[in-house]
Amino acid sequence: MTRKKRKVPKTAMARYRAELKLKQTELASAFGVSEGTYRDWEKGQLPAWLRLACKGFAFCRLAGIRYEDWDGDHVVQARKRLALTQTSLAMALELSRATIGRYEAGTPPKWMAYAVMALAFDRAPEP
């Protein structure tokens, strides 16, 4: 007797990846995380900032914008253009202010550029 494989419903992250037609390894690399971390996301263990990072990443792919590595100065410039303090940026990403300070003083993770880009869209005035 053969057992049928039970079909597990796709999580939001798995559906997102499928819509972009990417492999888990490709999306993990794009966000600068390990494949194991990405697999955890597809199981539903999502960090708060991921929604914003996904939104910014999808925009870049659709618009044909190539990702450039950010350094801490890029984070500072973007934060100031958005009129955000370290604390308000930390709150928006659900991180600590100290973490934002470390990112600004060094090399932020790859996903940071996408998340900040999405924050800019969310803060843009509507007509």
Protein backbone atom coordinates (compact mmCIF):
# COMPACT_ATOMS: atom_id res chain seq x y z
CA MET A 1 0.00 0.00 0.00
CA THR A 2 1.41 3.36 -1.02
CA ARG A 3 0.99 6.33 1.21
CA LYS A 4 -0.03 9.57 -0.36
CA LYS A 5 2.08 12.53 0.54
CA ARG A 6 0.00 14.99 2.46
CA LYS A 7 -0.03 18.38 0.82
CA VAL A 8 1.02 21.08 3.28
CA PRO A 9 -0.45 24.53 2.58
CA LYS A 10 2.14 27.09 1.53
CA THR A 11 3.06 29.80 3.97
CA ALA A 12 3.03 33.46 2.96
CA MET A 13 6.80 33.40 2.49
CA ALA A 14 6.65 30.31 0.26
CA ARG A 15 3.93 31.95 -1.85
CA TYR A 16 6.02 35.13 -2.09
CA ARG A 17 9.05 33.15 -3.30
CA ALA A 18 6.91 31.21 -5.79
CA GLU A 19 5.50 34.46 -7.23
CA LEU A 20 9.04 35.74 -7.76
CA LYS A 21 10.02 32.37 -9.30
CA LEU A 22 13.07 32.04 -7.07
CA LYS A 23 14.68 29.15 -5.22
CA GLN A 24 15.11 29.24 -1.46
CA THR A 25 18.86 29.62 -1.90
CA GLU A 26 18.41 32.63 -4.19
CA LEU A 27 16.14 34.48 -1.79
CA ALA A 28 18.35 33.61 1.20
CA SER A 29 21.32 35.05 -0.68
CA ALA A 30 19.40 38.19 -1.67
CA PHE A 31 18.61 38.91 1.99
CA GLY A 32 22.05 37.87 3.21
CA VAL A 33 20.85 35.05 5.47
CA SER A 34 21.63 31.35 5.63
CA GLU A 35 19.47 28.80 3.86
CA GLY A 36 18.47 27.44 7.27
CA THR A 37 17.25 30.85 8.37
CA TYR A 38 15.27 31.20 5.16
CA ARG A 39 13.71 27.73 5.62
CA ASP A 40 12.62 28.82 9.11
CA TRP A 41 10.87 31.80 7.51
CA GLU A 42 8.95 29.47 5.21
CA LYS A 43 7.89 27.53 8.30
CA GLY A 44 6.39 30.74 9.67
CA GLN A 45 9.16 32.06 11.93
CA LEU A 46 9.27 35.58 10.50
CA PRO A 47 11.20 38.54 11.91
CA ALA A 48 9.23 41.79 12.08
CA TRP A 49 11.36 43.60 9.48
CA LEU A 50 10.86 40.90 6.84
CA ARG A 51 7.57 42.29 5.49
CA LEU A 52 9.27 45.57 4.64
CA ALA A 53 12.35 43.88 3.20
CA CYS A 54 10.18 41.68 0.96
CA LYS A 55 8.26 44.70 -0.27
CA GLY A 56 11.47 46.57 -1.17
CA PHE A 57 13.03 43.50 -2.76
CA ALA A 58 9.98 42.85 -4.95
CA PHE A 59 9.99 46.48 -6.08
CA CYS A 60 13.66 46.25 -7.08
CA ARG A 61 13.02 43.09 -9.09
CA LEU A 62 9.94 44.50 -10.83
CA ALA A 63 11.62 47.83 -11.59
CA GLY A 64 14.88 46.24 -12.69
CA ILE A 65 16.88 48.03 -10.01
CA ARG A 66 20.14 46.33 -9.14
CA TYR A 67 20.96 46.01 -5.47
CA GLU A 68 24.08 47.80 -4.27
CA ASP A 69 25.71 46.85 -0.98
CA TRP A 70 25.03 49.44 1.68
CA ASP A 71 27.46 50.54 4.31
CA GLY A 72 26.62 52.33 7.53
CA ASP A 73 26.75 55.75 5.85
CA HIS A 74 23.97 54.70 3.47
CA VAL A 75 21.77 53.78 6.44
CA VAL A 76 22.47 57.13 8.12
CA GLN A 77 21.73 59.10 4.92
CA ALA A 78 18.50 57.22 4.22
CA ARG A 79 17.35 57.53 7.83
CA LYS A 80 17.97 61.28 7.81
CA ARG A 81 16.21 61.75 4.46
CA LEU A 82 13.20 60.00 5.94
CA ALA A 83 13.44 62.30 8.99
CA LEU A 84 13.80 59.32 11.31
CA THR A 85 15.82 59.02 14.48
CA GLN A 86 17.69 55.84 15.29
CA THR A 87 14.95 55.08 17.78
CA SER A 88 12.10 55.59 15.31
CA LEU A 89 13.86 53.46 12.67
CA ALA A 90 14.44 50.79 15.28
CA MET A 91 10.75 50.87 16.21
CA ALA A 92 9.68 50.60 12.55
CA LEU A 93 11.89 47.53 12.07
CA GLU A 94 11.20 46.17 15.58
CA LEU A 95 14.89 46.17 16.41
CA SER A 96 16.76 47.86 19.24
CA ARG A 97 18.22 51.34 18.87
CA ALA A 98 21.62 49.83 19.68
CA THR A 99 21.27 47.46 16.70
CA ILE A 100 20.58 50.41 14.39
CA GLY A 101 23.63 52.14 15.86
CA ARG A 102 25.79 49.08 15.11
CA TYR A 103 24.47 48.94 11.54
CA GLU A 104 25.25 52.63 11.05
CA ALA A 105 28.76 52.20 12.46
CA GLY A 106 29.59 49.17 10.35
CA THR A 107 28.11 47.01 7.64
CA PRO A 108 24.36 46.48 7.83
CA PRO A 109 22.77 43.23 6.64
CA LYS A 110 21.73 43.01 2.98
CA TRP A 111 18.02 43.14 3.78
CA MET A 112 18.39 46.58 5.38
CA ALA A 113 18.40 48.45 2.04
CA TYR A 114 15.16 46.77 0.98
CA ALA A 115 13.44 47.42 4.31
CA VAL A 116 14.41 51.11 4.35
CA MET A 117 13.26 51.47 0.73
CA ALA A 118 9.86 50.06 1.67
CA LEU A 119 9.69 52.44 4.65
CA ALA A 120 10.21 55.31 2.22
CA PHE A 121 7.27 54.08 0.15
CA ASP A 122 5.09 53.76 3.25
CA ARG A 123 5.97 57.31 4.32
CA ALA A 124 5.48 58.90 0.89
CA PRO A 125 2.57 61.35 0.72
CA GLU A 126 -0.48 60.27 -1.22
CA PRO A 127 -2.16 62.59 -3.74
